[in-house]
C-alpha atoms as a PDB file:
ATOM      1  CA  MET A   1      27.207 -15.054   1.501  1.00  0.00           C
ATOM      2  CA  SER A   2      23.803 -16.405   1.916  1.00  0.00           C
ATOM      3  CA  MET A   3      24.963 -18.493   4.796  1.00  0.00           C
ATOM      4  CA  MET A   4      26.423 -15.489   6.542  1.00  0.00           C
ATOM      5  CA  GLY A   5      22.768 -13.961   6.500  1.00  0.00           C
ATOM      6  CA  SER A   6      23.463 -11.774   3.341  1.00  0.00           C
ATOM      7  CA  PRO A   7      25.605  -8.996   4.717  1.00  0.00           C
ATOM      8  CA  SER A   8      26.060  -6.051   2.553  1.00  0.00           C
ATOM      9  CA  THR A   9      28.880  -5.890  -0.101  1.00  0.00           C
ATOM     10  CA  ASN A  10      30.396  -2.959   2.417  1.00  0.00           C
ATOM     11  CA  THR A  11      30.254  -5.438   5.456  1.00  0.00           C
ATOM     12  CA  PHE A  12      31.391  -8.380   3.720  1.00  0.00           C
ATOM     13  CA  CYS A  13      34.499  -6.327   2.523  1.00  0.00           C
ATOM     14  CA  HIS A  14      35.293  -5.444   6.112  1.00  0.00           C
ATOM     15  CA  MET A  15      34.856  -8.768   7.258  1.00  0.00           C
ATOM     16  CA  VAL A  16      37.497 -10.032   4.523  1.00  0.00           C
ATOM     17  CA  ARG A  17      39.480  -7.179   5.143  1.00  0.00           C
ATOM     18  CA  ASN A  18      39.664  -7.667   8.838  1.00  0.00           C
ATOM     19  CA  ASN A  19      40.038 -11.536   8.644  1.00  0.00           C
ATOM     20  CA  LEU A  20      36.810 -12.150  10.353  1.00  0.00           C
ATOM     21  CA  VAL A  21      36.121 -14.990   8.472  1.00  0.00           C
ATOM     22  CA  ASN A  22      38.244 -18.006   9.257  1.00  0.00           C
ATOM     23  CA  ASN A  23      40.079 -19.932   6.153  1.00  0.00           C
ATOM     24  CA  CYS A  24      38.113 -17.340   3.690  1.00  0.00           C
ATOM     25  CA  PRO A  25      39.842 -17.802   0.312  1.00  0.00           C
ATOM     26  CA  VAL A  26      37.917 -14.497  -1.020  1.00  0.00           C
ATOM     27  CA  THR A  27      39.884 -11.672  -1.770  1.00  0.00           C
ATOM     28  CA  MET A  28      38.676  -7.705  -1.982  1.00  0.00           C
ATOM     29  CA  LYS A  29      39.453  -7.798  -5.673  1.00  0.00           C
ATOM     30  CA  SER A  30      37.365 -10.976  -6.106  1.00  0.00           C
ATOM     31  CA  ILE A  31      34.494  -9.464  -4.234  1.00  0.00           C
ATOM     32  CA  CYS A  32      34.552  -6.103  -6.489  1.00  0.00           C
ATOM     33  CA  MET A  33      34.785  -8.331  -9.486  1.00  0.00           C
ATOM     34  CA  ALA A  34      32.050 -10.351  -8.534  1.00  0.00           C
ATOM     35  CA  ASN A  35      29.667  -7.367  -7.700  1.00  0.00           C
ATOM     36  CA  ASP A  36      30.620  -5.774 -11.275  1.00  0.00           C
ATOM     37  CA  VAL A  37      29.605  -8.981 -12.873  1.00  0.00           C
ATOM     38  CA  PHE A  38      26.514 -10.088 -10.904  1.00  0.00           C
ATOM     39  CA  GLY A  39      25.391  -6.906  -9.323  1.00  0.00           C
ATOM     40  CA  PRO A  40      24.062  -6.848  -5.840  1.00  0.00           C
ATOM     41  CA  ASP A  41      22.698  -9.768  -4.096  1.00  0.00           C
ATOM     42  CA  VAL A  42      19.144  -9.859  -5.098  1.00  0.00           C
ATOM     43  CA  ALA A  43      17.942 -11.771  -2.233  1.00  0.00           C
ATOM     44  CA  SER A  44      19.655  -9.373   0.157  1.00  0.00           C
ATOM     45  CA  LEU A  45      17.904  -6.412  -1.773  1.00  0.00           C
ATOM     46  CA  GLN A  46      14.687  -7.718  -1.909  1.00  0.00           C
ATOM     47  CA  GLY A  47      14.778  -8.621   2.095  1.00  0.00           C
ATOM     48  CA  LYS A  48      16.090  -5.551   3.343  1.00  0.00           C
ATOM     49  CA  MET A  49      14.287  -2.913   1.146  1.00  0.00           C
ATOM     50  CA  THR A  50      11.188  -1.290   2.460  1.00  0.00           C
ATOM     51  CA  ARG A  51       8.406  -0.211   0.483  1.00  0.00           C
ATOM     52  CA  ARG A  52       8.564   3.630  -0.810  1.00  0.00           C
ATOM     53  CA  ARG A  53       5.499   5.472   0.541  1.00  0.00           C
ATOM     54  CA  PRO A  54       3.369   5.976  -2.588  1.00  0.00           C
ATOM     55  CA  ASP A  55       2.534   9.840  -3.907  1.00  0.00           C
ATOM     56  CA  ARG A  56      -1.121  10.716  -2.618  1.00  0.00           C
ATOM     57  CA  VAL A  57      -3.530  10.682  -5.420  1.00  0.00           C
ATOM     58  CA  ASP A  58      -5.327  14.040  -5.785  1.00  0.00           C
ATOM     59  CA  PRO A  59      -8.652  13.632  -7.985  1.00  0.00           C
ATOM     60  CA  ALA A  60      -8.537  15.633 -10.985  1.00  0.00           C
ATOM     61  CA  PHE A  61     -11.867  16.410 -12.317  1.00  0.00           C
ATOM     62  CA  VAL A  62     -12.640  17.519 -15.800  1.00  0.00           C
ATOM     63  CA  ASP A  63     -15.368  18.977 -17.197  1.00  0.00           C
ATOM     64  CA  VAL A  64     -17.107  17.385 -20.450  1.00  0.00           C
ATOM     65  CA  PRO A  65     -16.488  19.294 -23.307  1.00  0.00           C
ATOM     66  CA  PRO A  66     -19.602  21.144 -24.191  1.00  0.00           C
ATOM     67  CA  GLU A  67     -19.806  19.745 -27.967  1.00  0.00           C
ATOM     68  CA  ILE A  68     -20.153  16.074 -26.247  1.00  0.00           C
ATOM     69  CA  LEU A  69     -22.904  17.326 -23.969  1.00  0.00           C
ATOM     70  CA  ALA A  70     -24.737  19.052 -27.020  1.00  0.00           C
ATOM     71  CA  ARG A  71     -24.410  15.761 -28.789  1.00  0.00           C
ATOM     72  CA  ASN A  72     -25.358  13.601 -26.091  1.00  0.00           C
ATOM     73  CA  LEU A  73     -27.961  14.967 -23.629  1.00  0.00           C
ATOM     74  CA  ASP A  74     -30.042  11.937 -23.885  1.00  0.00           C
ATOM     75  CA  VAL A  75     -28.313   8.705 -22.947  1.00  0.00           C
ATOM     76  CA  THR A  76     -29.148   4.878 -23.691  1.00  0.00           C
ATOM     77  CA  VAL A  77     -27.552   2.615 -21.146  1.00  0.00           C
ATOM     78  CA  VAL A  78     -26.640  -0.998 -21.294  1.00  0.00           C
ATOM     79  CA  ALA A  79     -26.717  -2.855 -17.998  1.00  0.00           C
ATOM     80  CA  ASP A  80     -26.254  -6.533 -17.060  1.00  0.00           C
ATOM     81  CA  LEU A  81     -24.732  -8.446 -14.168  1.00  0.00           C
ATOM     82  CA  MET A  82     -21.123  -9.723 -14.338  1.00  0.00           C
ATOM     83  CA  PHE A  83     -20.511 -12.629 -11.566  1.00  0.00           C
ATOM     84  CA  VAL A  84     -16.869 -12.975 -10.191  1.00  0.00           C
ATOM     85  CA  ASN A  85     -16.221 -15.992  -8.071  1.00  0.00           C
ATOM     86  CA  GLY A  86     -19.918 -15.938  -7.316  1.00  0.00           C
ATOM     87  CA  LEU A  87     -20.043 -12.288  -6.369  1.00  0.00           C
ATOM     88  CA  PRO A  88     -22.790  -9.895  -8.433  1.00  0.00           C
ATOM     89  CA  PHE A  89     -21.121  -6.744  -9.923  1.00  0.00           C
ATOM     90  CA  LEU A  90     -23.678  -4.231 -12.062  1.00  0.00           C
ATOM     91  CA  VAL A  91     -22.014  -3.255 -15.123  1.00  0.00           C
ATOM     92  CA  THR A  92     -23.238  -0.616 -17.277  1.00  0.00           C
ATOM     93  CA  VAL A  93     -21.821   0.923 -20.864  1.00  0.00           C
ATOM     94  CA  SER A  94     -23.526   3.680 -22.371  1.00  0.00           C
ATOM     95  CA  ARG A  95     -24.186   3.693 -26.315  1.00  0.00           C
ATOM     96  CA  ASN A  96     -22.163   6.497 -28.218  1.00  0.00           C
ATOM     97  CA  ILE A  97     -20.372   7.568 -25.053  1.00  0.00           C
ATOM     98  CA  THR A  98     -19.182   4.289 -24.199  1.00  0.00           C
ATOM     99  CA  LEU A  99     -18.471   5.532 -20.227  1.00  0.00           C
ATOM    100  CA  ILE A 100     -17.992   1.931 -18.610  1.00  0.00           C
ATOM    101  CA  THR A 101     -19.328   1.673 -14.762  1.00  0.00           C
ATOM    102  CA  VAL A 102     -18.741  -1.309 -12.782  1.00  0.00           C
ATOM    103  CA  SER A 103     -20.145  -1.547  -8.940  1.00  0.00           C
ATOM    104  CA  TYR A 104     -20.307  -4.349  -6.682  1.00  0.00           C
ATOM    105  CA  MET A 105     -23.565  -5.545  -5.465  1.00  0.00           C
ATOM    106  CA  PRO A 106     -24.258  -7.211  -1.998  1.00  0.00           C
ATOM    107  CA  SER A 107     -27.087  -9.343  -3.412  1.00  0.00           C
ATOM    108  CA  HIS A 108     -29.145  -9.346  -6.586  1.00  0.00           C
ATOM    109  CA  THR A 109     -32.327  -8.382  -5.389  1.00  0.00           C
ATOM    110  CA  ALA A 110     -34.802  -5.925  -6.813  1.00  0.00           C
ATOM    111  CA  ALA A 111     -34.138  -3.406  -3.999  1.00  0.00           C
ATOM    112  CA  ASN A 112     -29.909  -3.872  -4.803  1.00  0.00           C
ATOM    113  CA  LEU A 113     -30.586  -3.863  -8.448  1.00  0.00           C
ATOM    114  CA  ARG A 114     -32.793  -0.303  -8.241  1.00  0.00           C
ATOM    115  CA  LYS A 115     -30.083   1.247  -5.877  1.00  0.00           C
ATOM    116  CA  GLY A 116     -27.197   0.316  -8.323  1.00  0.00           C
ATOM    117  CA  LEU A 117     -29.143   1.640 -11.469  1.00  0.00           C
ATOM    118  CA  MET A 118     -29.953   4.625  -9.636  1.00  0.00           C
ATOM    119  CA  GLN A 119     -26.335   5.028  -8.612  1.00  0.00           C
ATOM    120  CA  VAL A 120     -25.378   4.998 -12.303  1.00  0.00           C
ATOM    121  CA  VAL A 121     -28.134   7.597 -13.325  1.00  0.00           C
ATOM    122  CA  THR A 122     -26.756   9.925 -10.579  1.00  0.00           C
ATOM    123  CA  VAL A 123     -23.337   9.645 -11.984  1.00  0.00           C
ATOM    124  CA  TYR A 124     -24.743  10.754 -15.691  1.00  0.00           C
ATOM    125  CA  ARG A 125     -26.688  13.459 -13.908  1.00  0.00           C
ATOM    126  CA  ARG A 126     -23.625  15.120 -12.202  1.00  0.00           C
ATOM    127  CA  LEU A 127     -21.722  15.346 -15.655  1.00  0.00           C
ATOM    128  CA  GLY A 128     -25.189  17.157 -17.241  1.00  0.00           C
ATOM    129  CA  LEU A 129     -26.279  14.194 -18.904  1.00  0.00           C
ATOM    130  CA  THR A 130     -29.928  12.430 -18.623  1.00  0.00           C
ATOM    131  CA  VAL A 131     -30.383   8.728 -19.096  1.00  0.00           C
ATOM    132  CA  THR A 132     -33.449   7.909 -20.873  1.00  0.00           C
ATOM    133  CA  THR A 133     -33.617   4.213 -21.688  1.00  0.00           C
ATOM    134  CA  ALA A 134     -31.722   1.216 -20.189  1.00  0.00           C
ATOM    135  CA  MET A 135     -31.527  -1.889 -21.792  1.00  0.00           C
ATOM    136  CA  VAL A 136     -31.688  -4.817 -19.427  1.00  0.00           C
ATOM    137  CA  ASP A 137     -32.455  -8.441 -19.435  1.00  0.00           C
ATOM    138  CA  GLY A 138     -34.621 -10.607 -17.679  1.00  0.00           C
ATOM    139  CA  GLN A 139     -32.670 -10.538 -14.360  1.00  0.00           C
ATOM    140  CA  PHE A 140     -34.015  -6.857 -13.834  1.00  0.00           C
ATOM    141  CA  ASP A 141     -37.827  -8.150 -14.536  1.00  0.00           C
ATOM    142  CA  PRO A 142     -38.595  -7.239 -10.960  1.00  0.00           C
ATOM    143  CA  LEU A 143     -37.843  -3.455 -11.389  1.00  0.00           C
ATOM    144  CA  ARG A 144     -40.683  -2.701 -14.146  1.00  0.00           C
ATOM    145  CA  GLY A 145     -41.779   0.894 -13.403  1.00  0.00           C
ATOM    146  CA  THR A 146     -39.629   1.683 -10.192  1.00  0.00           C
ATOM    147  CA  ILE A 147     -36.483   3.443 -11.878  1.00  0.00           C
ATOM    148  CA  GLY A 148     -38.769   6.787 -12.156  1.00  0.00           C
ATOM    149  CA  THR A 149     -37.812   8.973 -15.338  1.00  0.00           C
ATOM    150  CA  VAL A 150     -35.625   5.882 -17.134  1.00  0.00           C
ATOM    151  CA  ASP A 151     -37.413   3.963 -19.589  1.00  0.00           C
ATOM    152  CA  LEU A 152     -36.333  -0.098 -18.933  1.00  0.00           C
ATOM    153  CA  ASN A 153     -36.461  -1.852 -22.175  1.00  0.00           C
ATOM    154  CA  PHE A 154     -35.865  -5.537 -21.649  1.00  0.00           C
ATOM    155  CA  THR A 155     -34.423  -8.044 -24.241  1.00  0.00           C
ATOM    156  CA  ALA A 156     -36.279 -10.836 -25.313  1.00  0.00           C
ATOM    157  CA  ALA A 157     -35.924 -14.272 -23.168  1.00  0.00           C
ATOM    158  CA  ALA A 158     -32.504 -15.884 -23.912  1.00  0.00           C
ATOM    159  CA  GLU A 159     -31.361 -12.719 -25.620  1.00  0.00           C
ATOM    160  CA  HIS A 160     -28.509 -10.311 -24.399  1.00  0.00           C
ATOM    161  CA  ALA A 161     -27.342  -6.965 -25.627  1.00  0.00           C
ATOM    162  CA  PRO A 162     -24.161  -7.676 -27.513  1.00  0.00           C
ATOM    163  CA  GLU A 163     -22.593  -4.178 -25.967  1.00  0.00           C
ATOM    164  CA  ILE A 164     -22.759  -5.279 -22.361  1.00  0.00           C
ATOM    165  CA  GLU A 165     -21.586  -9.070 -23.089  1.00  0.00           C
ATOM    166  CA  GLN A 166     -18.509  -7.647 -24.920  1.00  0.00           C
ATOM    167  CA  CYS A 167     -18.064  -5.221 -22.248  1.00  0.00           C
ATOM    168  CA  ILE A 168     -18.207  -7.848 -19.608  1.00  0.00           C
ATOM    169  CA  TRP A 169     -15.637 -10.426 -21.312  1.00  0.00           C
ATOM    170  CA  MET A 170     -13.221  -7.288 -21.957  1.00  0.00           C
ATOM    171  CA  ILE A 171     -13.343  -6.238 -18.093  1.00  0.00           C
ATOM    172  CA  LYS A 172     -12.768  -9.927 -17.178  1.00  0.00           C
ATOM    173  CA  GLU A 173     -10.111  -9.937 -19.526  1.00  0.00           C
ATOM    174  CA  ARG A 174      -8.200  -7.231 -18.318  1.00  0.00           C
ATOM    175  CA  VAL A 175      -8.571  -8.165 -15.061  1.00  0.00           C
ATOM    176  CA  HIS A 176      -7.020 -11.823 -15.634  1.00  0.00           C
ATOM    177  CA  VAL A 177      -3.861 -10.222 -17.332  1.00  0.00           C
ATOM    178  CA  GLN A 178      -3.356  -8.035 -14.603  1.00  0.00           C
ATOM    179  CA  ARG A 179      -3.904 -10.823 -12.112  1.00  0.00           C
ATOM    180  CA  SER A 180      -1.189 -12.762 -13.973  1.00  0.00           C
ATOM    181  CA  ARG A 181       1.111 -10.050 -13.802  1.00  0.00           C
ATOM    182  CA  LEU A 182       1.219 -10.361 -10.026  1.00  0.00           C
ATOM    183  CA  GLN A 183       4.231 -11.886  -8.345  1.00  0.00           C
ATOM    184  CA  PHE A 184       3.379 -15.068  -6.311  1.00  0.00           C
ATOM    185  CA  SER A 185       5.291 -14.325  -2.981  1.00  0.00           C
END
């Protein structure tokens, strides 16, 4: 069938029934049996089918339960930079709530780091929570005293906060799993 351009089963049956293929030993019964045993031609299906339009995604916002708000009004955020193929991403995780945020940074300059941290603070503010402390490492040293009400707590030299390192490792691992599921075509 592939030599004939992968016709559909109905078209192939029509060709055999009307004797349009010279010296074809295939019968209608053979076509039906092969279709029952092997199913339709996979290459034909993949080549002829078009992708269905996906359903529209409407954001569903859920209010944070009052019990969580009451227990976690003051939030401590741990932040670090994650590099993927040389591209920097700001990763934050909050203690107790464990809300993870990841945002792309065009570069890891002081202005971009400040902007990224302020975006994280804004996310928490929208939820009704207040970020009081940000645990950061030496990469954030130029930001001393520039984040407003957020107290920056710097780790010692050559130290890292274990929560954020584990979080970055988990993100990279999950992305790797999703990437390995992609088809190579």
